[in-house]
PDB file of N, CA and C in Angstrom:
ATOM      1  N   MET A   1       0.937  -1.205  -0.054  1.00  0.00           N
ATOM      2  CA  MET A   1       0.020   0.043  -0.139  1.00  0.00           C
ATOM      3  C   MET A   1       0.805   1.250  -0.096  1.00  0.00           C
ATOM      4  N   ALA A   2       0.695   2.200  -1.005  1.00  0.00           N
ATOM      5  CA  ALA A   2       1.396   3.464  -1.040  1.00  0.00           C
ATOM      6  C   ALA A   2       1.107   4.290   0.226  1.00  0.00           C
ATOM      7  N   GLN A   3       2.189   4.965   0.674  1.00  0.00           N
ATOM      8  CA  GLN A   3       2.041   5.816   1.701  1.00  0.00           C
ATOM      9  C   GLN A   3       1.584   7.200   1.336  1.00  0.00           C
ATOM     10  N   SER A   4       0.820   7.833   2.186  1.00  0.00           N
ATOM     11  CA  SER A   4       0.449   9.299   1.978  1.00  0.00           C
ATOM     12  C   SER A   4       1.559  10.150   2.363  1.00  0.00           C
ATOM     13  N   ILE A   5       2.049  11.141   1.677  1.00  0.00           N
ATOM     14  CA  ILE A   5       3.227  12.084   1.906  1.00  0.00           C
ATOM     15  C   ILE A   5       2.688  12.765   3.170  1.00  0.00           C
ATOM     16  N   LEU A   6       1.503  13.378   3.156  1.00  0.00           N
ATOM     17  CA  LEU A   6       0.912  14.267   4.256  1.00  0.00           C
ATOM     18  C   LEU A   6       0.839  13.268   5.459  1.00  0.00           C
ATOM     19  N   THR A   7       0.027  12.258   5.329  1.00  0.00           N
ATOM     20  CA  THR A   7      -0.350  11.439   6.499  1.00  0.00           C
ATOM     21  C   THR A   7       0.997  10.930   7.139  1.00  0.00           C
ATOM     22  N   SER A   8       2.079  10.377   6.461  1.00  0.00           N
ATOM     23  CA  SER A   8       3.220   9.876   7.125  1.00  0.00           C
ATOM     24  C   SER A   8       3.991  10.944   7.700  1.00  0.00           C
ATOM     25  N   THR A   9       4.049  12.195   7.097  1.00  0.00           N
ATOM     26  CA  THR A   9       4.755  13.255   7.818  1.00  0.00           C
ATOM     27  C   THR A   9       4.054  13.764   8.990  1.00  0.00           C
ATOM     28  N   LYS A  10       2.748  13.874   9.016  1.00  0.00           N
ATOM     29  CA  LYS A  10       2.121  14.180  10.122  1.00  0.00           C
ATOM     30  C   LYS A  10       2.295  13.045  11.240  1.00  0.00           C
ATOM     31  N   LYS A  11       2.399  11.846  11.018  1.00  0.00           N
ATOM     32  CA  LYS A  11       2.528  10.831  12.038  1.00  0.00           C
ATOM     33  C   LYS A  11       4.000  10.929  12.704  1.00  0.00           C
ATOM     34  N   ILE A  12       5.004  11.317  11.764  1.00  0.00           N
ATOM     35  CA  ILE A  12       6.401  11.414  12.320  1.00  0.00           C
ATOM     36  C   ILE A  12       6.516  12.736  13.063  1.00  0.00           C
ATOM     37  N   LEU A  13       5.689  13.754  12.683  1.00  0.00           N
ATOM     38  CA  LEU A  13       5.623  14.864  13.593  1.00  0.00           C
ATOM     39  C   LEU A  13       4.964  14.758  14.869  1.00  0.00           C
ATOM     40  N   GLY A  14       4.210  13.703  15.157  1.00  0.00           N
ATOM     41  CA  GLY A  14       3.513  13.304  16.162  1.00  0.00           C
ATOM     42  C   GLY A  14       2.095  13.832  16.299  1.00  0.00           C
ATOM     43  N   LEU A  15       1.645  14.074  15.087  1.00  0.00           N
ATOM     44  CA  LEU A  15       0.259  14.578  15.076  1.00  0.00           C
ATOM     45  C   LEU A  15      -0.756  13.358  14.519  1.00  0.00           C
ATOM     46  N   PRO A  16      -1.802  13.293  15.146  1.00  0.00           N
ATOM     47  CA  PRO A  16      -2.862  12.233  14.686  1.00  0.00           C
ATOM     48  C   PRO A  16      -3.271  12.482  13.324  1.00  0.00           C
ATOM     49  N   GLU A  17      -3.573  11.604  12.530  1.00  0.00           N
ATOM     50  CA  GLU A  17      -4.004  11.566  11.254  1.00  0.00           C
ATOM     51  C   GLU A  17      -5.336  12.390  11.133  1.00  0.00           C
ATOM     52  N   GLN A  18      -6.086  12.117  12.173  1.00  0.00           N
ATOM     53  CA  GLN A  18      -7.618  12.737  12.146  1.00  0.00           C
ATOM     54  C   GLN A  18      -7.602  14.145  12.514  1.00  0.00           C
ATOM     55  N   ASP A  19      -6.332  14.800  13.138  1.00  0.00           N
ATOM     56  CA  ASP A  19      -6.298  16.179  13.346  1.00  0.00           C
ATOM     57  C   ASP A  19      -5.901  16.925  12.276  1.00  0.00           C
ATOM     58  N   THR A  20      -6.758  17.534  11.704  1.00  0.00           N
ATOM     59  CA  THR A  20      -6.388  18.298  10.425  1.00  0.00           C
ATOM     60  C   THR A  20      -6.030  19.834  10.769  1.00  0.00           C
ATOM     61  N   SER A  21      -6.038  20.262  12.147  1.00  0.00           N
ATOM     62  CA  SER A  21      -5.857  21.636  12.147  1.00  0.00           C
ATOM     63  C   SER A  21      -4.693  22.274  11.648  1.00  0.00           C
ATOM     64  N   PHE A  22      -3.480  21.485  11.455  1.00  0.00           N
ATOM     65  CA  PHE A  22      -2.265  22.037  11.015  1.00  0.00           C
ATOM     66  C   PHE A  22      -2.026  21.624   9.504  1.00  0.00           C
ATOM     67  N   ASP A  23      -2.977  20.989   8.928  1.00  0.00           N
ATOM     68  CA  ASP A  23      -2.746  20.429   7.645  1.00  0.00           C
ATOM     69  C   ASP A  23      -2.256  21.482   6.574  1.00  0.00           C
ATOM     70  N   ILE A  24      -2.839  22.696   6.552  1.00  0.00           N
ATOM     71  CA  ILE A  24      -2.401  23.874   5.579  1.00  0.00           C
ATOM     72  C   ILE A  24      -1.047  24.055   5.838  1.00  0.00           C
ATOM     73  N   ASP A  25      -0.681  24.316   7.133  1.00  0.00           N
ATOM     74  CA  ASP A  25       0.807  24.647   7.352  1.00  0.00           C
ATOM     75  C   ASP A  25       1.726  23.610   6.919  1.00  0.00           C
ATOM     76  N   ILE A  26       1.389  22.301   7.285  1.00  0.00           N
ATOM     77  CA  ILE A  26       2.304  21.158   6.852  1.00  0.00           C
ATOM     78  C   ILE A  26       2.301  20.903   5.379  1.00  0.00           C
ATOM     79  N   VAL A  27       1.218  21.125   4.719  1.00  0.00           N
ATOM     80  CA  VAL A  27       1.169  20.901   3.315  1.00  0.00           C
ATOM     81  C   VAL A  27       2.036  22.088   2.685  1.00  0.00           C
ATOM     82  N   ILE A  28       2.005  23.338   3.259  1.00  0.00           N
ATOM     83  CA  ILE A  28       2.833  24.279   2.513  1.00  0.00           C
ATOM     84  C   ILE A  28       4.460  24.039   2.716  1.00  0.00           C
ATOM     85  N   HIS A  29       4.649  23.606   3.942  1.00  0.00           N
ATOM     86  CA  HIS A  29       6.149  23.210   4.251  1.00  0.00           C
ATOM     87  C   HIS A  29       6.590  22.058   3.402  1.00  0.00           C
ATOM     88  N   ILE A  30       5.648  21.047   3.161  1.00  0.00           N
ATOM     89  CA  ILE A  30       6.059  19.859   2.386  1.00  0.00           C
ATOM     90  C   ILE A  30       6.381  20.246   0.989  1.00  0.00           C
ATOM     91  N   ASN A  31       5.369  21.265   0.459  1.00  0.00           N
ATOM     92  CA  ASN A  31       5.593  21.528  -0.937  1.00  0.00           C
ATOM     93  C   ASN A  31       6.846  22.405  -1.131  1.00  0.00           C
ATOM     94  N   SER A  32       7.244  22.989  -0.149  1.00  0.00           N
ATOM     95  CA  SER A  32       8.488  23.871  -0.315  1.00  0.00           C
ATOM     96  C   SER A  32       9.724  22.969  -0.312  1.00  0.00           C
ATOM     97  N   VAL A  33       9.550  21.825   0.546  1.00  0.00           N
ATOM     98  CA  VAL A  33      10.736  20.854   0.519  1.00  0.00           C
ATOM     99  C   VAL A  33      10.767  20.058  -0.789  1.00  0.00           C
ATOM    100  N   LEU A  34       9.451  19.678  -1.175  1.00  0.00           N
ATOM    101  CA  LEU A  34       9.440  18.941  -2.432  1.00  0.00           C
ATOM    102  C   LEU A  34      10.150  19.765  -3.628  1.00  0.00           C
ATOM    103  N   ALA A  35       9.944  20.987  -3.564  1.00  0.00           N
ATOM    104  CA  ALA A  35      10.530  21.932  -4.479  1.00  0.00           C
ATOM    105  C   ALA A  35      11.960  21.873  -4.580  1.00  0.00           C
ATOM    106  N   ILE A  36      12.422  21.925  -3.368  1.00  0.00           N
ATOM    107  CA  ILE A  36      14.004  21.889  -3.102  1.00  0.00           C
ATOM    108  C   ILE A  36      14.449  20.506  -3.659  1.00  0.00           C
ATOM    109  N   LEU A  37      13.837  19.497  -3.295  1.00  0.00           N
ATOM    110  CA  LEU A  37      14.221  18.176  -3.974  1.00  0.00           C
ATOM    111  C   LEU A  37      14.146  18.112  -5.392  1.00  0.00           C
ATOM    112  N   THR A  38      13.170  18.776  -6.063  1.00  0.00           N
ATOM    113  CA  THR A  38      13.070  18.892  -7.429  1.00  0.00           C
ATOM    114  C   THR A  38      14.088  19.537  -8.109  1.00  0.00           C
ATOM    115  N   GLN A  39      14.587  20.703  -7.328  1.00  0.00           N
ATOM    116  CA  GLN A  39      15.682  21.466  -7.799  1.00  0.00           C
ATOM    117  C   GLN A  39      17.045  20.729  -7.960  1.00  0.00           C
ATOM    118  N   VAL A  40      17.137  19.769  -7.181  1.00  0.00           N
ATOM    119  CA  VAL A  40      18.218  18.930  -7.105  1.00  0.00           C
ATOM    120  C   VAL A  40      18.217  17.741  -7.972  1.00  0.00           C
ATOM    121  N   GLY A  41      17.016  17.691  -8.655  1.00  0.00           N
ATOM    122  CA  GLY A  41      16.866  16.402  -9.467  1.00  0.00           C
ATOM    123  C   GLY A  41      16.022  15.143  -8.987  1.00  0.00           C
ATOM    124  N   ILE A  42      15.503  15.318  -7.806  1.00  0.00           N
ATOM    125  CA  ILE A  42      14.806  14.190  -7.178  1.00  0.00           C
ATOM    126  C   ILE A  42      13.329  14.549  -7.355  1.00  0.00           C
ATOM    127  N   GLY A  43      12.540  13.593  -7.877  1.00  0.00           N
ATOM    128  CA  GLY A  43      11.170  13.798  -8.166  1.00  0.00           C
ATOM    129  C   GLY A  43      10.760  14.639  -9.469  1.00  0.00           C
ATOM    130  N   PRO A  44       9.443  14.439  -9.868  1.00  0.00           N
ATOM    131  CA  PRO A  44       9.054  15.035 -10.917  1.00  0.00           C
ATOM    132  C   PRO A  44       8.822  16.756 -10.727  1.00  0.00           C
ATOM    133  N   ASP A  45       8.976  17.392 -11.945  1.00  0.00           N
ATOM    134  CA  ASP A  45       8.912  18.864 -11.832  1.00  0.00           C
ATOM    135  C   ASP A  45       7.582  19.156 -11.633  1.00  0.00           C
ATOM    136  N   GLY A  46       7.355  20.274 -10.843  1.00  0.00           N
ATOM    137  CA  GLY A  46       6.045  20.913 -10.622  1.00  0.00           C
ATOM    138  C   GLY A  46       5.084  20.077  -9.547  1.00  0.00           C
ATOM    139  N   PHE A  47       5.711  19.055  -9.003  1.00  0.00           N
ATOM    140  CA  PHE A  47       4.948  18.177  -8.103  1.00  0.00           C
ATOM    141  C   PHE A  47       4.638  18.932  -6.761  1.00  0.00           C
ATOM    142  N   VAL A  48       3.087  18.886  -6.549  1.00  0.00           N
ATOM    143  CA  VAL A  48       2.764  19.620  -5.321  1.00  0.00           C
ATOM    144  C   VAL A  48       1.794  18.681  -4.728  1.00  0.00           C
ATOM    145  N   ILE A  49       1.475  18.688  -3.271  1.00  0.00           N
ATOM    146  CA  ILE A  49       0.352  17.949  -2.738  1.00  0.00           C
ATOM    147  C   ILE A  49      -0.497  18.925  -2.263  1.00  0.00           C
ATOM    148  N   ASP A  50      -1.823  18.617  -2.125  1.00  0.00           N
ATOM    149  CA  ASP A  50      -2.891  19.263  -1.718  1.00  0.00           C
ATOM    150  C   ASP A  50      -3.760  18.658  -0.503  1.00  0.00           C
ATOM    151  N   GLY A  51      -3.278  17.383  -0.153  1.00  0.00           N
ATOM    152  CA  GLY A  51      -3.912  16.695   0.734  1.00  0.00           C
ATOM    153  C   GLY A  51      -3.371  15.386   0.912  1.00  0.00           C
ATOM    154  N   PRO A  52      -4.094  14.379   1.396  1.00  0.00           N
ATOM    155  CA  PRO A  52      -3.501  13.114   1.810  1.00  0.00           C
ATOM    156  C   PRO A  52      -3.428  12.158   0.521  1.00  0.00           C
ATOM    157  N   ASP A  53      -3.886  12.508  -0.511  1.00  0.00           N
ATOM    158  CA  ASP A  53      -4.048  11.480  -1.608  1.00  0.00           C
ATOM    159  C   ASP A  53      -2.645  11.249  -2.164  1.00  0.00           C
ATOM    160  N   ALA A  54      -1.705  12.349  -2.304  1.00  0.00           N
ATOM    161  CA  ALA A  54      -0.482  12.178  -2.925  1.00  0.00           C
ATOM    162  C   ALA A  54       0.368  11.316  -2.076  1.00  0.00           C
ATOM    163  N   THR A  55       1.037  10.419  -2.921  1.00  0.00           N
ATOM    164  CA  THR A  55       1.851   9.171  -2.120  1.00  0.00           C
ATOM    165  C   THR A  55       3.242   9.498  -2.449  1.00  0.00           C
ATOM    166  N   TRP A  56       4.107   8.769  -1.529  1.00  0.00           N
ATOM    167  CA  TRP A  56       5.527   8.912  -1.804  1.00  0.00           C
ATOM    168  C   TRP A  56       6.027   8.136  -3.220  1.00  0.00           C
ATOM    169  N   ASP A  57       5.289   7.054  -3.571  1.00  0.00           N
ATOM    170  CA  ASP A  57       5.458   6.516  -4.878  1.00  0.00           C
ATOM    171  C   ASP A  57       5.319   7.463  -5.910  1.00  0.00           C
ATOM    172  N   ASP A  58       4.209   8.269  -5.884  1.00  0.00           N
ATOM    173  CA  ASP A  58       3.976   9.376  -6.842  1.00  0.00           C
ATOM    174  C   ASP A  58       5.195  10.341  -6.964  1.00  0.00           C
ATOM    175  N   PHE A  59       5.734  10.644  -6.057  1.00  0.00           N
ATOM    176  CA  PHE A  59       6.898  11.596  -6.079  1.00  0.00           C
ATOM    177  C   PHE A  59       8.262  10.980  -6.125  1.00  0.00           C
ATOM    178  N   LEU A  60       8.505   9.814  -5.605  1.00  0.00           N
ATOM    179  CA  LEU A  60       9.936   9.214  -5.605  1.00  0.00           C
ATOM    180  C   LEU A  60       9.932   7.954  -6.619  1.00  0.00           C
ATOM    181  N   GLY A  61       8.925   7.397  -7.100  1.00  0.00           N
ATOM    182  CA  GLY A  61       8.757   6.224  -7.827  1.00  0.00           C
ATOM    183  C   GLY A  61       9.370   4.949  -7.016  1.00  0.00           C
ATOM    184  N   THR A  62      10.013   4.078  -7.607  1.00  0.00           N
ATOM    185  CA  THR A  62      10.064   2.903  -6.978  1.00  0.00           C
ATOM    186  C   THR A  62      11.602   2.523  -6.540  1.00  0.00           C
ATOM    187  N   ASP A  63      12.462   3.677  -6.509  1.00  0.00           N
ATOM    188  CA  ASP A  63      13.932   3.466  -6.311  1.00  0.00           C
ATOM    189  C   ASP A  63      14.113   3.330  -4.695  1.00  0.00           C
ATOM    190  N   PRO A  64      14.414   2.382  -4.122  1.00  0.00           N
ATOM    191  CA  PRO A  64      14.557   2.284  -2.648  1.00  0.00           C
ATOM    192  C   PRO A  64      15.561   3.165  -2.089  1.00  0.00           C
ATOM    193  N   VAL A  65      16.457   3.571  -2.756  1.00  0.00           N
ATOM    194  CA  VAL A  65      17.456   4.364  -2.243  1.00  0.00           C
ATOM    195  C   VAL A  65      16.920   5.826  -1.927  1.00  0.00           C
ATOM    196  N   LEU A  66      15.831   6.158  -2.623  1.00  0.00           N
ATOM    197  CA  LEU A  66      15.327   7.497  -2.716  1.00  0.00           C
ATOM    198  C   LEU A  66      14.350   7.633  -1.363  1.00  0.00           C
ATOM    199  N   SER A  67      14.256   6.377  -0.716  1.00  0.00           N
ATOM    200  CA  SER A  67      13.344   6.549   0.538  1.00  0.00           C
ATOM    201  C   SER A  67      13.903   7.397   1.604  1.00  0.00           C
ATOM    202  N   MET A  68      15.314   7.722   1.470  1.00  0.00           N
ATOM    203  CA  MET A  68      15.946   8.642   2.511  1.00  0.00           C
ATOM    204  C   MET A  68      15.259  10.114   2.297  1.00  0.00           C
ATOM    205  N   ALA A  69      14.712  10.306   1.137  1.00  0.00           N
ATOM    206  CA  ALA A  69      14.105  11.631   0.822  1.00  0.00           C
ATOM    207  C   ALA A  69      12.892  11.918   1.822  1.00  0.00           C
ATOM    208  N   LYS A  70      12.342  10.795   2.325  1.00  0.00           N
ATOM    209  CA  LYS A  70      11.188  10.878   3.322  1.00  0.00           C
ATOM    210  C   LYS A  70      11.677  11.498   4.604  1.00  0.00           C
ATOM    211  N   THR A  71      12.879  10.999   5.114  1.00  0.00           N
ATOM    212  CA  THR A  71      13.555  11.415   6.333  1.00  0.00           C
ATOM    213  C   THR A  71      14.049  13.053   6.215  1.00  0.00           C
ATOM    214  N   TYR A  72      14.370  13.197   4.833  1.00  0.00           N
ATOM    215  CA  TYR A  72      14.879  14.514   4.547  1.00  0.00           C
ATOM    216  C   TYR A  72      13.604  15.583   4.598  1.00  0.00           C
ATOM    217  N   VAL A  73      12.662  15.079   4.168  1.00  0.00           N
ATOM    218  CA  VAL A  73      11.335  16.050   4.041  1.00  0.00           C
ATOM    219  C   VAL A  73      10.911  16.056   5.467  1.00  0.00           C
ATOM    220  N   TYR A  74      10.810  15.102   6.502  1.00  0.00           N
ATOM    221  CA  TYR A  74      10.350  15.323   7.612  1.00  0.00           C
ATOM    222  C   TYR A  74      11.169  16.317   8.473  1.00  0.00           C
ATOM    223  N   LEU A  75      12.657  16.039   8.158  1.00  0.00           N
ATOM    224  CA  LEU A  75      13.630  16.906   8.992  1.00  0.00           C
ATOM    225  C   LEU A  75      13.223  18.390   8.562  1.00  0.00           C
ATOM    226  N   LYS A  76      13.228  18.665   7.183  1.00  0.00           N
ATOM    227  CA  LYS A  76      13.000  20.115   6.990  1.00  0.00           C
ATOM    228  C   LYS A  76      11.690  20.562   7.438  1.00  0.00           C
ATOM    229  N   VAL A  77      10.572  19.799   7.129  1.00  0.00           N
ATOM    230  CA  VAL A  77       9.367  20.206   7.723  1.00  0.00           C
ATOM    231  C   VAL A  77       9.347  20.584   9.119  1.00  0.00           C
ATOM    232  N   ARG A  78      10.078  19.690   9.992  1.00  0.00           N
ATOM    233  CA  ARG A  78      10.068  19.864  11.363  1.00  0.00           C
ATOM    234  C   ARG A  78      10.873  21.097  11.775  1.00  0.00           C
ATOM    235  N   LEU A  79      11.839  21.455  10.922  1.00  0.00           N
ATOM    236  CA  LEU A  79      12.481  22.741  11.192  1.00  0.00           C
ATOM    237  C   LEU A  79      11.636  23.899  11.030  1.00  0.00           C
ATOM    238  N   LEU A  80      10.863  23.828   9.905  1.00  0.00           N
ATOM    239  CA  LEU A  80       9.962  24.909   9.534  1.00  0.00           C
ATOM    240  C   LEU A  80       8.783  24.937  10.570  1.00  0.00           C
ATOM    241  N   PHE A  81       8.277  23.896  10.772  1.00  0.00           N
ATOM    242  CA  PHE A  81       6.997  23.831  11.659  1.00  0.00           C
ATOM    243  C   PHE A  81       7.133  23.827  13.131  1.00  0.00           C
ATOM    244  N   ASP A  82       8.304  23.172  13.612  1.00  0.00           N
ATOM    245  CA  ASP A  82       8.419  23.163  15.030  1.00  0.00           C
ATOM    246  C   ASP A  82       9.977  22.860  15.342  1.00  0.00           C
ATOM    247  N   PRO A  83      10.667  23.867  15.132  1.00  0.00           N
ATOM    248  CA  PRO A  83      12.190  23.599  15.208  1.00  0.00           C
ATOM    249  C   PRO A  83      12.637  23.318  16.687  1.00  0.00           C
ATOM    250  N   PRO A  84      13.641  22.452  16.835  1.00  0.00           N
ATOM    251  CA  PRO A  84      14.133  22.298  18.341  1.00  0.00           C
ATOM    252  C   PRO A  84      14.480  23.566  19.019  1.00  0.00           C
ATOM    253  N   THR A  85      14.431  23.500  20.322  1.00  0.00           N
ATOM    254  CA  THR A  85      14.632  24.759  21.017  1.00  0.00           C
ATOM    255  C   THR A  85      15.975  24.944  21.536  1.00  0.00           C
ATOM    256  N   THR A  86      16.842  23.934  21.410  1.00  0.00           N
ATOM    257  CA  THR A  86      18.345  24.124  21.830  1.00  0.00           C
ATOM    258  C   THR A  86      19.181  24.120  20.749  1.00  0.00           C
ATOM    259  N   THR A  87      20.342  24.920  20.770  1.00  0.00           N
ATOM    260  CA  THR A  87      21.300  25.153  19.693  1.00  0.00           C
ATOM    261  C   THR A  87      21.945  23.631  19.206  1.00  0.00           C
ATOM    262  N   PRO A  88      22.454  22.805  20.310  1.00  0.00           N
ATOM    263  CA  PRO A  88      22.895  21.457  19.896  1.00  0.00           C
ATOM    264  C   PRO A  88      21.925  20.691  18.944  1.00  0.00           C
ATOM    265  N   ALA A  89      20.667  20.599  19.463  1.00  0.00           N
ATOM    266  CA  ALA A  89      19.699  19.847  18.615  1.00  0.00           C
ATOM    267  C   ALA A  89      19.400  20.484  17.395  1.00  0.00           C
ATOM    268  N   LEU A  90      19.492  21.795  17.226  1.00  0.00           N
ATOM    269  CA  LEU A  90      19.208  22.534  15.901  1.00  0.00           C
ATOM    270  C   LEU A  90      20.356  22.232  15.004  1.00  0.00           C
ATOM    271  N   GLU A  91      21.605  22.326  15.518  1.00  0.00           N
ATOM    272  CA  GLU A  91      22.788  22.082  14.582  1.00  0.00           C
ATOM    273  C   GLU A  91      22.856  20.589  14.220  1.00  0.00           C
ATOM    274  N   SER A  92      22.445  19.611  15.129  1.00  0.00           N
ATOM    275  CA  SER A  92      22.536  18.312  14.818  1.00  0.00           C
ATOM    276  C   SER A  92      21.530  17.976  13.646  1.00  0.00           C
ATOM    277  N   TRP A  93      20.198  18.587  13.691  1.00  0.00           N
ATOM    278  CA  TRP A  93      19.319  18.421  12.553  1.00  0.00           C
ATOM    279  C   TRP A  93      19.839  19.002  11.363  1.00  0.00           C
ATOM    280  N   LYS A  94      20.445  20.293  11.543  1.00  0.00           N
ATOM    281  CA  LYS A  94      20.952  20.884  10.132  1.00  0.00           C
ATOM    282  C   LYS A  94      22.047  19.972   9.695  1.00  0.00           C
ATOM    283  N   GLU A  95      22.864  19.439  10.397  1.00  0.00           N
ATOM    284  CA  GLU A  95      23.984  18.438   9.839  1.00  0.00           C
ATOM    285  C   GLU A  95      23.304  17.219   9.025  1.00  0.00           C
ATOM    286  N   GLN A  96      22.208  16.734   9.941  1.00  0.00           N
ATOM    287  CA  GLN A  96      21.596  15.580   9.154  1.00  0.00           C
ATOM    288  C   GLN A  96      20.937  15.902   7.965  1.00  0.00           C
ATOM    289  N   ILE A  97      20.415  17.147   7.680  1.00  0.00           N
ATOM    290  CA  ILE A  97      19.869  17.673   6.523  1.00  0.00           C
ATOM    291  C   ILE A  97      20.891  17.662   5.575  1.00  0.00           C
ATOM    292  N   ARG A  98      21.980  18.299   5.741  1.00  0.00           N
ATOM    293  CA  ARG A  98      23.083  18.514   4.811  1.00  0.00           C
ATOM    294  C   ARG A  98      23.556  17.050   4.398  1.00  0.00           C
ATOM    295  N   GLU A  99      23.649  16.120   5.233  1.00  0.00           N
ATOM    296  CA  GLU A  99      24.111  14.845   4.761  1.00  0.00           C
ATOM    297  C   GLU A  99      23.053  14.166   3.937  1.00  0.00           C
ATOM    298  N   PHE A 100      21.757  14.154   4.112  1.00  0.00           N
ATOM    299  CA  PHE A 100      20.784  13.617   3.255  1.00  0.00           C
ATOM    300  C   PHE A 100      20.803  14.569   1.891  1.00  0.00           C
ATOM    301  N   GLU A 101      21.007  15.615   1.823  1.00  0.00           N
ATOM    302  CA  GLU A 101      21.086  16.592   0.711  1.00  0.00           C
ATOM    303  C   GLU A 101      22.245  15.959  -0.138  1.00  0.00           C
ATOM    304  N   TRP A 102      23.430  15.797   0.562  1.00  0.00           N
ATOM    305  CA  TRP A 102      24.694  15.318  -0.258  1.00  0.00           C
ATOM    306  C   TRP A 102      24.393  13.868  -0.779  1.00  0.00           C
ATOM    307  N   ARG A 103      23.786  13.065   0.113  1.00  0.00           N
ATOM    308  CA  ARG A 103      23.595  11.658  -0.271  1.00  0.00           C
ATOM    309  C   ARG A 103      22.589  11.488  -1.527  1.00  0.00           C
ATOM    310  N   LEU A 104      21.504  12.387  -1.416  1.00  0.00           N
ATOM    311  CA  LEU A 104      20.460  12.331  -2.384  1.00  0.00           C
ATOM    312  C   LEU A 104      21.031  12.824  -3.735  1.00  0.00           C
ATOM    313  N   ASN A 105      21.959  13.935  -3.596  1.00  0.00           N
ATOM    314  CA  ASN A 105      22.634  14.552  -4.824  1.00  0.00           C
ATOM    315  C   ASN A 105      23.565  13.580  -5.464  1.00  0.00           C
ATOM    316  N   VAL A 106      24.370  12.849  -4.734  1.00  0.00           N
ATOM    317  CA  VAL A 106      25.312  11.769  -5.139  1.00  0.00           C
ATOM    318  C   VAL A 106      24.535  10.666  -5.792  1.00  0.00           C
ATOM    319  N   HIS A 107      23.509  10.281  -5.225  1.00  0.00           N
ATOM    320  CA  HIS A 107      22.785   9.122  -5.840  1.00  0.00           C
ATOM    321  C   HIS A 107      22.032   9.647  -7.099  1.00  0.00           C
ATOM    322  N   ARG A 108      21.539  10.894  -7.318  1.00  0.00           N
ATOM    323  CA  ARG A 108      21.090  11.418  -8.627  1.00  0.00           C
ATOM    324  C   ARG A 108      22.122  11.480  -9.641  1.00  0.00           C
ATOM    325  N   GLU A 109      23.225  12.038  -9.125  1.00  0.00           N
ATOM    326  CA  GLU A 109      24.383  12.214 -10.296  1.00  0.00           C
ATOM    327  C   GLU A 109      24.892  10.909 -10.833  1.00  0.00           C
ATOM    328  N   GLY A 110      24.793   9.821  -9.903  1.00  0.00           N
ATOM    329  CA  GLY A 110      25.262   8.399 -10.264  1.00  0.00           C
ATOM    330  C   GLY A 110      24.171   7.959 -11.406  1.00  0.00           C
ATOM    331  N   LEU A 111      22.918   8.251 -11.273  1.00  0.00           N
ATOM    332  CA  LEU A 111      22.013   7.847 -12.214  1.00  0.00           C
ATOM    333  C   LEU A 111      22.078   8.672 -13.412  1.00  0.00           C
ATOM    334  N   GLU A 112      22.415   9.918 -13.352  1.00  0.00           N
ATOM    335  CA  GLU A 112      22.340  10.732 -14.485  1.00  0.00           C
ATOM    336  C   GLU A 112      23.602  11.385 -15.230  1.00  0.00           C
ATOM    337  N   TRP A 113      24.619  11.058 -14.545  1.00  0.00           N
ATOM    338  CA  TRP A 113      25.917  11.540 -14.857  1.00  0.00           C
ATOM    339  C   TRP A 113      26.272  10.940 -16.312  1.00  0.00           C
ATOM    340  N   GLU A 114      26.798  11.896 -17.105  1.00  0.00           N
ATOM    341  CA  GLU A 114      27.472  11.549 -18.458  1.00  0.00           C
ATOM    342  C   GLU A 114      28.659  12.001 -18.571  1.00  0.00           C
ATOM    343  N   ALA A 115      29.589  11.141 -19.097  1.00  0.00           N
ATOM    344  CA  ALA A 115      31.191  11.449 -19.261  1.00  0.00           C
ATOM    345  C   ALA A 115      31.215  12.575 -20.200  1.00  0.00           C
ATOM    346  N   PRO A 116      32.153  13.534 -20.053  1.00  0.00           N
ATOM    347  CA  PRO A 116      32.402  14.704 -20.766  1.00  0.00           C
ATOM    348  C   PRO A 116      32.849  14.092 -22.179  1.00  0.00           C
ATOM    349  N   VAL A 117      32.253  14.888 -23.241  1.00  0.00           N
ATOM    350  CA  VAL A 117      32.727  14.319 -24.612  1.00  0.00           C
ATOM    351  C   VAL A 117      34.016  15.107 -24.927  1.00  0.00           C
ATOM    352  N   SER A 118      35.102  14.235 -25.476  1.00  0.00           N
ATOM    353  CA  SER A 118      36.408  14.822 -25.692  1.00  0.00           C
ATOM    354  C   SER A 118      36.407  15.330 -26.998  1.00  0.00           C
ATOM    355  N   SER A 119      37.020  16.473 -27.401  1.00  0.00           N
ATOM    356  CA  SER A 119      36.994  17.106 -28.567  1.00  0.00           C
ATOM    357  C   SER A 119      38.277  16.504 -29.540  1.00  0.00           C
TER     358      SER A 119
END
C-alpha cells in the first residue's frame, strides 16, 4: 500500500491523522521541501500535494535508495513547523539535513551523470 506524503509526515511529527488543524501549514512546508528536492533532480517537476492523496510513490517512484528523501522531508518540515529549542539539537538536525542532501545528490548524479565528450 502506498504511503500518503501528508499522513506519514504528520505521523512522524507526532500529529494524529484525524487532526487536520495544521494540515495547511504542513502541506505548505512539504511543498516547499519537495520543490527543493526537485531542484536537485529528485522527483518530477512541478509536483505538489494538496492533501492526503499524494503518495511517496507518486513523488519518488520505486527506487528504494530514494526512501531517504522521506526523512529529509520530515527533518526540513520539522525545522519549519516546530524547530528544536536548543542550539545543539538544531545544529544536529541541520547536519543531518546536509548529509541527506549530499547523499541524495550523489545518488542522482550516479544515475544521470554522463562522461564529458572529448574534442
